[in-house]
Amino acid sequence: MNRAWHERHVLPRTATLDERIRWHRAHQEACGCRPIPASLEARMGAAAPRPKTGVAAKGKAATPAGGRPKRRT
């Protein structure tokens, strides 16, 4: 998690849809500690960026940056 980025970029509780989309897109570029919420991603359409980290979306296995699944031990 990029703590410094999160401290400088707080998403207001009253953010508009456009503000939320911009925040989440910037978040994916700078941190990506969690995926974009499915409800917001659906409203963003196919243009929504995919996480670059090993964070898994609900119900999906996490993969590291290289794209290969993590090995279960």
Protein backbone atom coordinates (compact mmCIF):
# COMPACT_ATOMS: atom_id res chain seq x y z
CA MET A 1 0.00 0.00 0.00
CA ASN A 2 1.27 3.45 -0.89
CA ARG A 3 0.51 5.20 2.41
CA ALA A 4 1.89 8.57 1.28
CA TRP A 5 -0.39 8.59 -1.80
CA HIS A 6 -3.43 7.71 0.32
CA GLU A 7 -2.66 10.50 2.79
CA ARG A 8 -2.46 13.07 -0.04
CA HIS A 9 -5.47 11.76 -2.00
CA VAL A 10 -8.45 11.30 0.29
CA LEU A 11 -11.68 10.49 -1.52
CA PRO A 12 -14.46 12.65 -0.01
CA ARG A 13 -17.58 10.86 1.24
CA THR A 14 -19.67 13.18 -0.92
CA ALA A 15 -17.64 12.60 -4.10
CA THR A 16 -19.54 12.68 -7.37
CA LEU A 17 -19.44 9.73 -9.77
CA ASP A 18 -16.87 11.53 -11.94
CA GLU A 19 -14.69 12.27 -8.90
CA ARG A 20 -14.88 8.63 -7.80
CA ILE A 21 -13.90 7.40 -11.26
CA ARG A 22 -10.94 9.80 -11.45
CA TRP A 23 -9.82 8.85 -7.93
CA HIS A 24 -9.98 5.11 -8.58
CA ARG A 25 -8.16 5.41 -11.91
CA ALA A 26 -5.38 7.44 -10.25
CA HIS A 27 -5.34 4.94 -7.38
CA GLN A 28 -4.77 2.03 -9.75
CA GLU A 29 -1.81 3.85 -11.29
CA ALA A 30 -0.23 4.97 -8.00
CA CYS A 31 -1.05 2.18 -5.57
CA GLY A 32 -3.52 -0.49 -6.63
CA CYS A 33 -3.73 -1.92 -3.11
CA ARG A 34 -7.29 -3.05 -3.83
CA PRO A 35 -9.44 -3.50 -6.92
CA ILE A 36 -11.98 -0.96 -8.13
CA PRO A 37 -15.38 -1.77 -6.60
CA ALA A 38 -17.42 -3.92 -9.00
CA SER A 39 -20.36 -1.50 -8.92
CA LEU A 40 -18.12 1.39 -9.98
CA GLU A 41 -16.18 -0.66 -12.52
CA ALA A 42 -19.46 -1.63 -14.19
CA ARG A 43 -20.35 2.04 -14.56
CA MET A 44 -16.89 2.83 -15.93
CA GLY A 45 -17.22 0.21 -18.67
CA ALA A 46 -14.42 -1.57 -20.46
CA ALA A 47 -12.11 1.44 -20.09
CA ALA A 48 -11.55 0.63 -16.40
CA PRO A 49 -7.90 -0.19 -15.70
CA ARG A 50 -7.08 -3.59 -14.24
CA PRO A 51 -4.98 -3.88 -11.07
CA LYS A 52 -1.25 -4.30 -11.68
CA THR A 53 -0.65 -5.95 -8.31
CA GLY A 54 -1.50 -9.28 -6.75
CA VAL A 55 -4.81 -7.99 -5.40
CA ALA A 56 -7.66 -10.33 -6.27
CA ALA A 57 -11.12 -9.22 -7.20
CA LYS A 58 -13.95 -10.90 -5.31
CA GLY A 59 -14.07 -14.58 -6.14
CA LYS A 60 -10.95 -14.55 -8.32
CA ALA A 61 -7.44 -15.79 -7.57
CA ALA A 62 -4.70 -13.21 -7.11
CA THR A 63 -1.83 -13.14 -9.58
CA PRO A 64 1.53 -11.43 -9.12
CA ALA A 65 2.76 -8.78 -11.55
CA GLY A 66 4.20 -11.49 -13.83
CA GLY A 67 0.71 -12.85 -14.40
CA ARG A 68 1.30 -16.35 -13.04
CA PRO A 69 -0.98 -17.53 -10.20
CA LYS A 70 0.43 -17.75 -6.70
CA ARG A 71 1.30 -21.26 -5.62
CA ARG A 72 -0.75 -22.58 -2.71
CA THR A 73 1.20 -24.25 0.04
